[in-house]
Amino acid sequence: MQKALVTPDRIPEWIPGTITMDSSGRDWKGITMKGYHYDRQDAAIPAMRDYMIVAYDGNPTTMLRTSGGSRQSAPVGRGRISLLTRAEQSTWCWAEPIKVRHIYIGHDCLEDTAQTVFGRSPQSVEIQDQVSAEDPVLLNCFHMLENELRNGGMGQRLMIDALRNQIAVHMLRRYARIRLADESGSAFSPTQRKRIIDLIEDQLSENISLDDLAAAVGLSPFHFSRQFKADFGIAPYAFVIQKRVSKAQEMLRRGRLPLKSVALDCGFSDQSHLCRTFRKIVGVTPAQYQNRA
């Protein structure tokens, strides 16, 4: 089940390891660096908010990535990097202890960089997982970021901003598929539509953030809202409400459930909220609908 996108500080909940470095306490914007020692494990990577770049510092091992029905295997070790995309679940397995450094870079950074490069807003920026790649540019950025983290010095904010921008441009050049926004407002791809609907349906009982929905398909909230309305015919919030009412109808048809429970399971703040919204959309109250079912 797809949940809210996971921030870098929560990654150890899914991939337990010993932290060796962490930039979280620094005033770095749009980028985070962490280091870990990991034992062998099968790591279920959650849908992350940011892209994760991994540099390997220990002995070589074999990395196996599984996502859906796809399996990829490749050797990793010193001099290799892995790239994990955001907003997508996958499983990564390794058979020996490993020492790694992570760079997390936000999607907004890549989107802003793409807008600067192309002179107009991107409709989407998509980056696929890379199990193992030789990338001296990113490895040099790892070295310079670690030096800033450990030693610091005057002008660190400027240095970090410059390195973040260098990483963003390099990722766009080498790894990204970019669709530029145009006046015709081209539709979401089938994969994007499914990702949006799955995320909404999985989180109906929770607060659904426009930022999370937009991030799931690599758009800014502004462009997501505009594209969503063009594609689905209604605003994202109205679509979520329709889904909640549809789920309430389904629950009411199954039996005489307490309306308070139906309201909470469908994401309404309370029973009154359910009743008001249900009647506005369906034309009858939940109790009347239940009696007719």
C-alpha atoms as a PDB file:
ATOM      1  CA  MET A   1       0.000   0.000   0.000  1.00  0.00           C
ATOM      2  CA  GLN A   2       1.437   3.369  -1.033  1.00  0.00           C
ATOM      3  CA  LYS A   3       1.679   5.865   1.814  1.00  0.00           C
ATOM      4  CA  ALA A   4       2.895   9.422   2.151  1.00  0.00           C
ATOM      5  CA  LEU A   5       6.306  10.021   0.625  1.00  0.00           C
ATOM      6  CA  VAL A   6       9.159   9.298   3.030  1.00  0.00           C
ATOM      7  CA  THR A   7      11.734  11.951   3.947  1.00  0.00           C
ATOM      8  CA  PRO A   8      15.486  11.175   4.279  1.00  0.00           C
ATOM      9  CA  ASP A   9      15.417  11.267   8.082  1.00  0.00           C
ATOM     10  CA  ARG A  10      12.927   8.359   8.116  1.00  0.00           C
ATOM     11  CA  ILE A  11      14.859   6.049   5.782  1.00  0.00           C
ATOM     12  CA  PRO A  12      16.467   4.103   8.717  1.00  0.00           C
ATOM     13  CA  GLU A  13      12.966   2.866   9.618  1.00  0.00           C
ATOM     14  CA  TRP A  14      13.105   0.806   6.410  1.00  0.00           C
ATOM     15  CA  ILE A  15      16.873   0.308   6.056  1.00  0.00           C
ATOM     16  CA  PRO A  16      18.410  -0.108   9.522  1.00  0.00           C
ATOM     17  CA  GLY A  17      22.087   0.705   9.746  1.00  0.00           C
ATOM     18  CA  THR A  18      24.774   2.628  11.616  1.00  0.00           C
ATOM     19  CA  ILE A  19      24.919   6.321  10.712  1.00  0.00           C
ATOM     20  CA  THR A  20      28.450   7.555   9.958  1.00  0.00           C
ATOM     21  CA  MET A  21      27.675  11.104   8.767  1.00  0.00           C
ATOM     22  CA  ASP A  22      24.639  13.349   8.547  1.00  0.00           C
ATOM     23  CA  SER A  23      24.141  16.859   7.168  1.00  0.00           C
ATOM     24  CA  SER A  24      20.592  17.197   8.530  1.00  0.00           C
ATOM     25  CA  GLY A  25      21.651  19.720  11.168  1.00  0.00           C
ATOM     26  CA  ARG A  26      23.297  21.992   8.613  1.00  0.00           C
ATOM     27  CA  ASP A  27      21.671  24.838   6.740  1.00  0.00           C
ATOM     28  CA  TRP A  28      21.733  22.990   3.406  1.00  0.00           C
ATOM     29  CA  LYS A  29      18.755  23.645   1.136  1.00  0.00           C
ATOM     30  CA  GLY A  30      17.381  21.058  -1.281  1.00  0.00           C
ATOM     31  CA  ILE A  31      20.104  18.504  -0.598  1.00  0.00           C
ATOM     32  CA  THR A  32      21.071  16.148   2.255  1.00  0.00           C
ATOM     33  CA  MET A  33      24.095  13.873   2.729  1.00  0.00           C
ATOM     34  CA  LYS A  34      24.205  10.829   5.001  1.00  0.00           C
ATOM     35  CA  GLY A  35      26.568   7.914   5.503  1.00  0.00           C
ATOM     36  CA  TYR A  36      25.758   4.385   6.699  1.00  0.00           C
ATOM     37  CA  HIS A  37      27.240   1.004   7.507  1.00  0.00           C
ATOM     38  CA  TYR A  38      24.758  -1.718   6.549  1.00  0.00           C
ATOM     39  CA  ASP A  39      24.745  -5.432   7.267  1.00  0.00           C
ATOM     40  CA  ARG A  40      23.467  -7.781   4.565  1.00  0.00           C
ATOM     41  CA  GLN A  41      19.725  -7.380   4.134  1.00  0.00           C
ATOM     42  CA  ASP A  42      16.684  -7.283   1.905  1.00  0.00           C
ATOM     43  CA  ALA A  43      15.650  -3.632   2.094  1.00  0.00           C
ATOM     44  CA  ALA A  44      12.097  -2.684   1.149  1.00  0.00           C
ATOM     45  CA  ILE A  45      12.610   0.876  -0.052  1.00  0.00           C
ATOM     46  CA  PRO A  46       9.508   3.026   0.497  1.00  0.00           C
ATOM     47  CA  ALA A  47       8.198   5.658  -1.884  1.00  0.00           C
ATOM     48  CA  MET A  48      10.644   8.465  -1.099  1.00  0.00           C
ATOM     49  CA  ARG A  49      10.146  12.210  -1.313  1.00  0.00           C
ATOM     50  CA  ASP A  50      13.640  12.784  -2.739  1.00  0.00           C
ATOM     51  CA  TYR A  51      15.941  11.077  -5.203  1.00  0.00           C
ATOM     52  CA  MET A  52      18.657   8.999  -3.522  1.00  0.00           C
ATOM     53  CA  ILE A  53      22.162   8.691  -4.982  1.00  0.00           C
ATOM     54  CA  VAL A  54      24.355   5.998  -3.383  1.00  0.00           C
ATOM     55  CA  ALA A  55      28.172   5.857  -3.471  1.00  0.00           C
ATOM     56  CA  TYR A  56      29.911   2.669  -2.300  1.00  0.00           C
ATOM     57  CA  ASP A  57      33.056   2.830  -0.179  1.00  0.00           C
ATOM     58  CA  GLY A  58      33.593  -0.776   0.933  1.00  0.00           C
ATOM     59  CA  ASN A  59      34.253  -4.139  -0.658  1.00  0.00           C
ATOM     60  CA  PRO A  60      32.410  -5.097  -3.859  1.00  0.00           C
ATOM     61  CA  THR A  61      29.153  -7.021  -3.689  1.00  0.00           C
ATOM     62  CA  THR A  62      26.210  -7.799  -5.928  1.00  0.00           C
ATOM     63  CA  MET A  63      23.100  -5.622  -5.738  1.00  0.00           C
ATOM     64  CA  LEU A  64      19.709  -7.030  -6.676  1.00  0.00           C
ATOM     65  CA  ARG A  65      16.784  -4.684  -7.336  1.00  0.00           C
ATOM     66  CA  THR A  66      13.198  -5.939  -7.545  1.00  0.00           C
ATOM     67  CA  SER A  67      10.169  -3.852  -8.430  1.00  0.00           C
ATOM     68  CA  GLY A  68       6.900  -5.407  -9.549  1.00  0.00           C
ATOM     69  CA  GLY A  69       7.888  -8.273 -11.818  1.00  0.00           C
ATOM     70  CA  SER A  70      11.212  -6.714 -12.819  1.00  0.00           C
ATOM     71  CA  ARG A  71      14.570  -7.937 -11.424  1.00  0.00           C
ATOM     72  CA  GLN A  72      17.959  -6.339 -12.072  1.00  0.00           C
ATOM     73  CA  SER A  73      21.311  -7.476 -10.715  1.00  0.00           C
ATOM     74  CA  ALA A  74      24.713  -5.775 -11.001  1.00  0.00           C
ATOM     75  CA  PRO A  75      28.035  -5.560  -9.143  1.00  0.00           C
ATOM     76  CA  VAL A  76      28.607  -2.516  -6.942  1.00  0.00           C
ATOM     77  CA  GLY A  77      31.596  -1.273  -4.985  1.00  0.00           C
ATOM     78  CA  ARG A  78      34.094   1.554  -4.794  1.00  0.00           C
ATOM     79  CA  GLY A  79      33.819   3.747  -7.887  1.00  0.00           C
ATOM     80  CA  ARG A  80      30.177   2.809  -8.628  1.00  0.00           C
ATOM     81  CA  ILE A  81      26.942   4.607  -7.821  1.00  0.00           C
ATOM     82  CA  SER A  82      23.299   3.592  -7.613  1.00  0.00           C
ATOM     83  CA  LEU A  83      20.389   5.937  -8.255  1.00  0.00           C
ATOM     84  CA  LEU A  84      16.997   5.406  -6.652  1.00  0.00           C
ATOM     85  CA  THR A  85      14.080   7.351  -8.024  1.00  0.00           C
ATOM     86  CA  ARG A  86      11.451   8.967  -5.873  1.00  0.00           C
ATOM     87  CA  ALA A  87       7.773   8.114  -5.259  1.00  0.00           C
ATOM     88  CA  GLU A  88       8.299   4.465  -6.194  1.00  0.00           C
ATOM     89  CA  GLN A  89       8.607   1.355  -4.025  1.00  0.00           C
ATOM     90  CA  SER A  90      11.300  -1.253  -4.688  1.00  0.00           C
ATOM     91  CA  THR A  91      13.378  -3.891  -2.910  1.00  0.00           C
ATOM     92  CA  TRP A  92      17.183  -3.865  -2.883  1.00  0.00           C
ATOM     93  CA  CYS A  93      19.165  -6.874  -1.646  1.00  0.00           C
ATOM     94  CA  TRP A  94      22.866  -7.351  -0.916  1.00  0.00           C
ATOM     95  CA  ALA A  95      24.662 -10.352   0.560  1.00  0.00           C
ATOM     96  CA  GLU A  96      27.640  -8.719   2.349  1.00  0.00           C
ATOM     97  CA  PRO A  97      28.024  -5.748   4.712  1.00  0.00           C
ATOM     98  CA  ILE A  98      28.434  -2.473   2.828  1.00  0.00           C
ATOM     99  CA  LYS A  99      29.611   1.047   3.594  1.00  0.00           C
ATOM    100  CA  VAL A 100      27.789   3.767   1.670  1.00  0.00           C
ATOM    101  CA  ARG A 101      27.180   7.484   1.376  1.00  0.00           C
ATOM    102  CA  HIS A 102      23.805   8.863   0.309  1.00  0.00           C
ATOM    103  CA  ILE A 103      22.918  12.138  -1.385  1.00  0.00           C
ATOM    104  CA  TYR A 104      19.236  13.078  -1.307  1.00  0.00           C
ATOM    105  CA  ILE A 105      18.153  15.786  -3.712  1.00  0.00           C
ATOM    106  CA  GLY A 106      14.652  17.210  -3.878  1.00  0.00           C
ATOM    107  CA  HIS A 107      12.419  17.082  -6.915  1.00  0.00           C
ATOM    108  CA  ASP A 108      11.756  20.829  -6.712  1.00  0.00           C
ATOM    109  CA  CYS A 109      15.463  21.391  -7.261  1.00  0.00           C
ATOM    110  CA  LEU A 110      15.466  19.332 -10.470  1.00  0.00           C
ATOM    111  CA  GLU A 111      12.272  20.962 -11.689  1.00  0.00           C
ATOM    112  CA  ASP A 112      13.584  24.486 -11.030  1.00  0.00           C
ATOM    113  CA  THR A 113      16.845  23.610 -12.761  1.00  0.00           C
ATOM    114  CA  ALA A 114      14.994  22.215 -15.783  1.00  0.00           C
ATOM    115  CA  GLN A 115      12.927  25.398 -15.978  1.00  0.00           C
ATOM    116  CA  THR A 116      16.117  27.480 -15.970  1.00  0.00           C
ATOM    117  CA  VAL A 117      17.730  25.284 -18.635  1.00  0.00           C
ATOM    118  CA  PHE A 118      14.745  25.159 -21.013  1.00  0.00           C
ATOM    119  CA  GLY A 119      13.252  28.559 -20.297  1.00  0.00           C
ATOM    120  CA  ARG A 120       9.814  27.133 -19.448  1.00  0.00           C
ATOM    121  CA  SER A 121       8.268  24.839 -16.901  1.00  0.00           C
ATOM    122  CA  PRO A 122       8.655  21.082 -17.339  1.00  0.00           C
ATOM    123  CA  GLN A 123       5.446  19.082 -17.370  1.00  0.00           C
ATOM    124  CA  SER A 124       7.282  16.173 -15.782  1.00  0.00           C
ATOM    125  CA  VAL A 125      10.780  15.045 -14.875  1.00  0.00           C
ATOM    126  CA  GLU A 126      11.174  11.278 -14.610  1.00  0.00           C
ATOM    127  CA  ILE A 127      14.321   9.475 -13.502  1.00  0.00           C
ATOM    128  CA  GLN A 128      14.607   5.689 -13.559  1.00  0.00           C
ATOM    129  CA  ASP A 129      16.506   3.591 -11.011  1.00  0.00           C
ATOM    130  CA  GLN A 130      20.127   2.792 -11.843  1.00  0.00           C
ATOM    131  CA  VAL A 131      21.374  -0.332 -10.072  1.00  0.00           C
ATOM    132  CA  SER A 132      25.035   0.296 -10.872  1.00  0.00           C
ATOM    133  CA  ALA A 133      26.685   3.043 -12.898  1.00  0.00           C
ATOM    134  CA  GLU A 134      30.148   4.512 -13.340  1.00  0.00           C
ATOM    135  CA  ASP A 135      29.761   8.247 -12.807  1.00  0.00           C
ATOM    136  CA  PRO A 136      32.918  10.223 -11.952  1.00  0.00           C
ATOM    137  CA  VAL A 137      30.985  13.514 -11.901  1.00  0.00           C
ATOM    138  CA  LEU A 138      28.689  12.381  -9.078  1.00  0.00           C
ATOM    139  CA  LEU A 139      31.570  10.707  -7.243  1.00  0.00           C
ATOM    140  CA  ASN A 140      33.476  14.005  -7.280  1.00  0.00           C
ATOM    141  CA  CYS A 141      30.380  15.759  -5.903  1.00  0.00           C
ATOM    142  CA  PHE A 142      30.235  13.193  -3.096  1.00  0.00           C
ATOM    143  CA  HIS A 143      33.862  13.962  -2.234  1.00  0.00           C
ATOM    144  CA  MET A 144      33.315  17.718  -2.199  1.00  0.00           C
ATOM    145  CA  LEU A 145      30.088  17.499  -0.181  1.00  0.00           C
ATOM    146  CA  GLU A 146      31.757  15.265   2.395  1.00  0.00           C
ATOM    147  CA  ASN A 147      34.644  17.715   2.661  1.00  0.00           C
ATOM    148  CA  GLU A 148      32.171  20.552   3.308  1.00  0.00           C
ATOM    149  CA  LEU A 149      30.340  18.445   5.887  1.00  0.00           C
ATOM    150  CA  ARG A 150      33.473  17.455   7.783  1.00  0.00           C
ATOM    151  CA  ASN A 151      35.575  20.608   7.438  1.00  0.00           C
ATOM    152  CA  GLY A 152      33.263  23.459   6.483  1.00  0.00           C
ATOM    153  CA  GLY A 153      34.739  26.882   5.987  1.00  0.00           C
ATOM    154  CA  MET A 154      33.785  30.323   4.788  1.00  0.00           C
ATOM    155  CA  GLY A 155      31.214  30.485   1.998  1.00  0.00           C
ATOM    156  CA  GLN A 156      29.848  27.018   2.725  1.00  0.00           C
ATOM    157  CA  ARG A 157      26.282  28.000   1.783  1.00  0.00           C
ATOM    158  CA  LEU A 158      27.464  29.149  -1.656  1.00  0.00           C
ATOM    159  CA  MET A 159      29.511  25.986  -2.115  1.00  0.00           C
ATOM    160  CA  ILE A 160      26.572  23.727  -1.221  1.00  0.00           C
ATOM    161  CA  ASP A 161      24.231  25.620  -3.547  1.00  0.00           C
ATOM    162  CA  ALA A 162      26.762  25.284  -6.377  1.00  0.00           C
ATOM    163  CA  LEU A 163      27.213  21.541  -5.792  1.00  0.00           C
ATOM    164  CA  ARG A 164      23.443  20.994  -5.587  1.00  0.00           C
ATOM    165  CA  ASN A 165      22.986  22.769  -8.912  1.00  0.00           C
ATOM    166  CA  GLN A 166      25.820  20.798 -10.500  1.00  0.00           C
ATOM    167  CA  ILE A 167      24.237  17.521  -9.380  1.00  0.00           C
ATOM    168  CA  ALA A 168      20.817  18.610 -10.647  1.00  0.00           C
ATOM    169  CA  VAL A 169      22.137  19.579 -14.090  1.00  0.00           C
ATOM    170  CA  HIS A 170      24.126  16.352 -14.358  1.00  0.00           C
ATOM    171  CA  MET A 171      21.111  14.217 -13.406  1.00  0.00           C
ATOM    172  CA  LEU A 172      18.980  16.000 -16.012  1.00  0.00           C
ATOM    173  CA  ARG A 173      21.656  15.492 -18.669  1.00  0.00           C
ATOM    174  CA  ARG A 174      22.399  11.840 -18.027  1.00  0.00           C
ATOM    175  CA  TYR A 175      19.429  10.195 -16.336  1.00  0.00           C
ATOM    176  CA  ALA A 176      16.234  12.210 -16.850  1.00  0.00           C
ATOM    177  CA  ARG A 177      13.307  11.989 -19.227  1.00  0.00           C
ATOM    178  CA  ILE A 178      11.812  15.477 -19.425  1.00  0.00           C
ATOM    179  CA  ARG A 179       8.438  16.467 -20.825  1.00  0.00           C
ATOM    180  CA  LEU A 180       7.993  20.197 -21.233  1.00  0.00           C
ATOM    181  CA  ALA A 181       4.683  21.877 -20.503  1.00  0.00           C
ATOM    182  CA  ASP A 182       2.829  23.230 -23.510  1.00  0.00           C
ATOM    183  CA  GLU A 183      -0.346  25.159 -24.113  1.00  0.00           C
ATOM    184  CA  SER A 184      -2.267  22.064 -25.222  1.00  0.00           C
ATOM    185  CA  GLY A 185      -1.932  20.508 -21.758  1.00  0.00           C
ATOM    186  CA  SER A 186      -1.102  16.927 -22.792  1.00  0.00           C
ATOM    187  CA  ALA A 187      -2.570  14.217 -20.611  1.00  0.00           C
ATOM    188  CA  PHE A 188      -1.035  12.191 -17.841  1.00  0.00           C
ATOM    189  CA  SER A 189       0.455   8.922 -19.036  1.00  0.00           C
ATOM    190  CA  PRO A 190      -1.405   5.719 -18.070  1.00  0.00           C
ATOM    191  CA  THR A 191       1.315   5.018 -15.487  1.00  0.00           C
ATOM    192  CA  GLN A 192       0.920   8.487 -13.974  1.00  0.00           C
ATOM    193  CA  ARG A 193      -2.883   8.182 -13.849  1.00  0.00           C
ATOM    194  CA  LYS A 194      -2.620   4.834 -12.081  1.00  0.00           C
ATOM    195  CA  ARG A 195      -0.072   6.208  -9.616  1.00  0.00           C
ATOM    196  CA  ILE A 196      -2.329   9.165  -8.783  1.00  0.00           C
ATOM    197  CA  ILE A 197      -5.468   7.066  -8.334  1.00  0.00           C
ATOM    198  CA  ASP A 198      -3.657   4.392  -6.302  1.00  0.00           C
ATOM    199  CA  LEU A 199      -2.202   7.027  -3.975  1.00  0.00           C
ATOM    200  CA  ILE A 200      -5.608   8.646  -3.445  1.00  0.00           C
ATOM    201  CA  GLU A 201      -7.406   5.348  -2.846  1.00  0.00           C
ATOM    202  CA  ASP A 202      -4.715   4.112  -0.467  1.00  0.00           C
ATOM    203  CA  GLN A 203      -4.921   7.296   1.628  1.00  0.00           C
ATOM    204  CA  LEU A 204      -8.660   7.989   1.655  1.00  0.00           C
ATOM    205  CA  SER A 205      -8.806   7.634   5.443  1.00  0.00           C
ATOM    206  CA  GLU A 206      -5.905  10.083   5.867  1.00  0.00           C
ATOM    207  CA  ASN A 207      -5.131  13.689   4.972  1.00  0.00           C
ATOM    208  CA  ILE A 208      -4.123  13.668   1.315  1.00  0.00           C
ATOM    209  CA  SER A 209      -1.573  16.337   0.508  1.00  0.00           C
ATOM    210  CA  LEU A 210      -1.577  18.114  -2.846  1.00  0.00           C
ATOM    211  CA  ASP A 211       2.210  18.240  -2.541  1.00  0.00           C
ATOM    212  CA  ASP A 212       2.399  14.437  -2.244  1.00  0.00           C
ATOM    213  CA  LEU A 213       0.067  13.916  -5.203  1.00  0.00           C
ATOM    214  CA  ALA A 214       2.084  16.326  -7.331  1.00  0.00           C
ATOM    215  CA  ALA A 215       5.370  14.788  -6.236  1.00  0.00           C
ATOM    216  CA  ALA A 216       4.163  11.288  -7.149  1.00  0.00           C
ATOM    217  CA  VAL A 217       4.168  12.277 -10.832  1.00  0.00           C
ATOM    218  CA  GLY A 218       7.063  14.726 -10.724  1.00  0.00           C
ATOM    219  CA  LEU A 219       5.163  18.006 -10.977  1.00  0.00           C
ATOM    220  CA  SER A 220       4.926  21.159  -8.930  1.00  0.00           C
ATOM    221  CA  PRO A 221       1.597  21.547  -7.078  1.00  0.00           C
ATOM    222  CA  PHE A 222       0.609  24.381  -9.435  1.00  0.00           C
ATOM    223  CA  HIS A 223       1.237  22.400 -12.623  1.00  0.00           C
ATOM    224  CA  PHE A 224      -0.255  19.251 -11.120  1.00  0.00           C
ATOM    225  CA  SER A 225      -3.521  21.016 -10.258  1.00  0.00           C
ATOM    226  CA  ARG A 226      -3.797  22.503 -13.741  1.00  0.00           C
ATOM    227  CA  GLN A 227      -2.933  19.209 -15.452  1.00  0.00           C
ATOM    228  CA  PHE A 228      -5.236  17.196 -13.170  1.00  0.00           C
ATOM    229  CA  LYS A 229      -8.245  19.390 -13.956  1.00  0.00           C
ATOM    230  CA  ALA A 230      -7.500  19.214 -17.690  1.00  0.00           C
ATOM    231  CA  ASP A 231      -7.162  15.419 -17.542  1.00  0.00           C
ATOM    232  CA  PHE A 232      -9.852  14.389 -15.016  1.00  0.00           C
ATOM    233  CA  GLY A 233     -12.271  17.245 -15.584  1.00  0.00           C
ATOM    234  CA  ILE A 234     -12.389  18.318 -11.928  1.00  0.00           C
ATOM    235  CA  ALA A 235      -9.995  19.685  -9.334  1.00  0.00           C
ATOM    236  CA  PRO A 236      -7.922  17.214  -7.253  1.00  0.00           C
ATOM    237  CA  TYR A 237      -9.811  18.014  -4.024  1.00  0.00           C
ATOM    238  CA  ALA A 238     -13.186  17.420  -5.696  1.00  0.00           C
ATOM    239  CA  PHE A 239     -11.924  14.122  -7.101  1.00  0.00           C
ATOM    240  CA  VAL A 240     -10.806  13.019  -3.628  1.00  0.00           C
ATOM    241  CA  ILE A 241     -14.235  13.902  -2.211  1.00  0.00           C
ATOM    242  CA  GLN A 242     -15.930  11.866  -4.941  1.00  0.00           C
ATOM    243  CA  LYS A 243     -13.715   8.895  -4.112  1.00  0.00           C
ATOM    244  CA  ARG A 244     -14.535   9.225  -0.413  1.00  0.00           C
ATOM    245  CA  VAL A 245     -18.265   9.337  -1.088  1.00  0.00           C
ATOM    246  CA  SER A 246     -17.986   6.313  -3.409  1.00  0.00           C
ATOM    247  CA  LYS A 247     -16.190   4.375  -0.685  1.00  0.00           C
ATOM    248  CA  ALA A 248     -18.882   5.393   1.822  1.00  0.00           C
ATOM    249  CA  GLN A 249     -21.573   4.129  -0.561  1.00  0.00           C
ATOM    250  CA  GLU A 250     -19.749   0.822  -0.888  1.00  0.00           C
ATOM    251  CA  MET A 251     -19.460   0.439   2.898  1.00  0.00           C
ATOM    252  CA  LEU A 252     -23.135   1.330   3.420  1.00  0.00           C
ATOM    253  CA  ARG A 253     -24.215  -1.270   0.853  1.00  0.00           C
ATOM    254  CA  ARG A 254     -22.293  -3.969   2.716  1.00  0.00           C
ATOM    255  CA  GLY A 255     -24.322  -3.663   5.923  1.00  0.00           C
ATOM    256  CA  ARG A 256     -25.516  -1.491   8.773  1.00  0.00           C
ATOM    257  CA  LEU A 257     -22.221  -0.002   9.857  1.00  0.00           C
ATOM    258  CA  PRO A 258     -22.075   2.894  12.355  1.00  0.00           C
ATOM    259  CA  LEU A 259     -21.941   6.152  10.413  1.00  0.00           C
ATOM    260  CA  LYS A 260     -19.148   7.399  12.668  1.00  0.00           C
ATOM    261  CA  SER A 261     -16.983   4.453  11.576  1.00  0.00           C
ATOM    262  CA  VAL A 262     -17.861   5.007   7.921  1.00  0.00           C
ATOM    263  CA  ALA A 263     -16.942   8.680   8.229  1.00  0.00           C
ATOM    264  CA  LEU A 264     -13.508   7.980   9.731  1.00  0.00           C
ATOM    265  CA  ASP A 265     -12.686   5.121   7.336  1.00  0.00           C
ATOM    266  CA  CYS A 266     -13.512   7.350   4.364  1.00  0.00           C
ATOM    267  CA  GLY A 267     -11.478  10.339   5.538  1.00  0.00           C
ATOM    268  CA  PHE A 268     -14.269  12.660   6.720  1.00  0.00           C
ATOM    269  CA  SER A 269     -13.561  14.680   9.836  1.00  0.00           C
ATOM    270  CA  ASP A 270     -16.704  13.446  11.601  1.00  0.00           C
ATOM    271  CA  GLN A 271     -20.196  12.036  11.014  1.00  0.00           C
ATOM    272  CA  SER A 272     -21.676  15.467  10.303  1.00  0.00           C
ATOM    273  CA  HIS A 273     -19.083  16.127   7.622  1.00  0.00           C
ATOM    274  CA  LEU A 274     -19.939  12.795   6.006  1.00  0.00           C
ATOM    275  CA  CYS A 275     -23.682  13.487   6.084  1.00  0.00           C
ATOM    276  CA  ARG A 276     -23.372  16.985   4.596  1.00  0.00           C
ATOM    277  CA  THR A 277     -21.052  15.927   1.799  1.00  0.00           C
ATOM    278  CA  PHE A 278     -22.882  12.671   1.057  1.00  0.00           C
ATOM    279  CA  ARG A 279     -26.254  14.414   0.726  1.00  0.00           C
ATOM    280  CA  LYS A 280     -24.797  17.131  -1.500  1.00  0.00           C
ATOM    281  CA  ILE A 281     -23.373  14.573  -3.951  1.00  0.00           C
ATOM    282  CA  VAL A 282     -25.786  11.621  -3.726  1.00  0.00           C
ATOM    283  CA  GLY A 283     -28.975  13.558  -2.989  1.00  0.00           C
ATOM    284  CA  VAL A 284     -29.933  11.603   0.130  1.00  0.00           C
ATOM    285  CA  THR A 285     -28.445  11.175   3.594  1.00  0.00           C
ATOM    286  CA  PRO A 286     -26.237   8.163   4.383  1.00  0.00           C
ATOM    287  CA  ALA A 287     -29.015   6.725   6.582  1.00  0.00           C
ATOM    288  CA  GLN A 288     -31.551   7.026   3.760  1.00  0.00           C
ATOM    289  CA  TYR A 289     -29.102   5.467   1.315  1.00  0.00           C
ATOM    290  CA  GLN A 290     -28.417   2.606   3.735  1.00  0.00           C
ATOM    291  CA  ASN A 291     -32.145   1.908   4.141  1.00  0.00           C
ATOM    292  CA  ARG A 292     -32.566   1.698   0.370  1.00  0.00           C
ATOM    293  CA  ALA A 293     -29.549  -0.553  -0.164  1.00  0.00           C
END
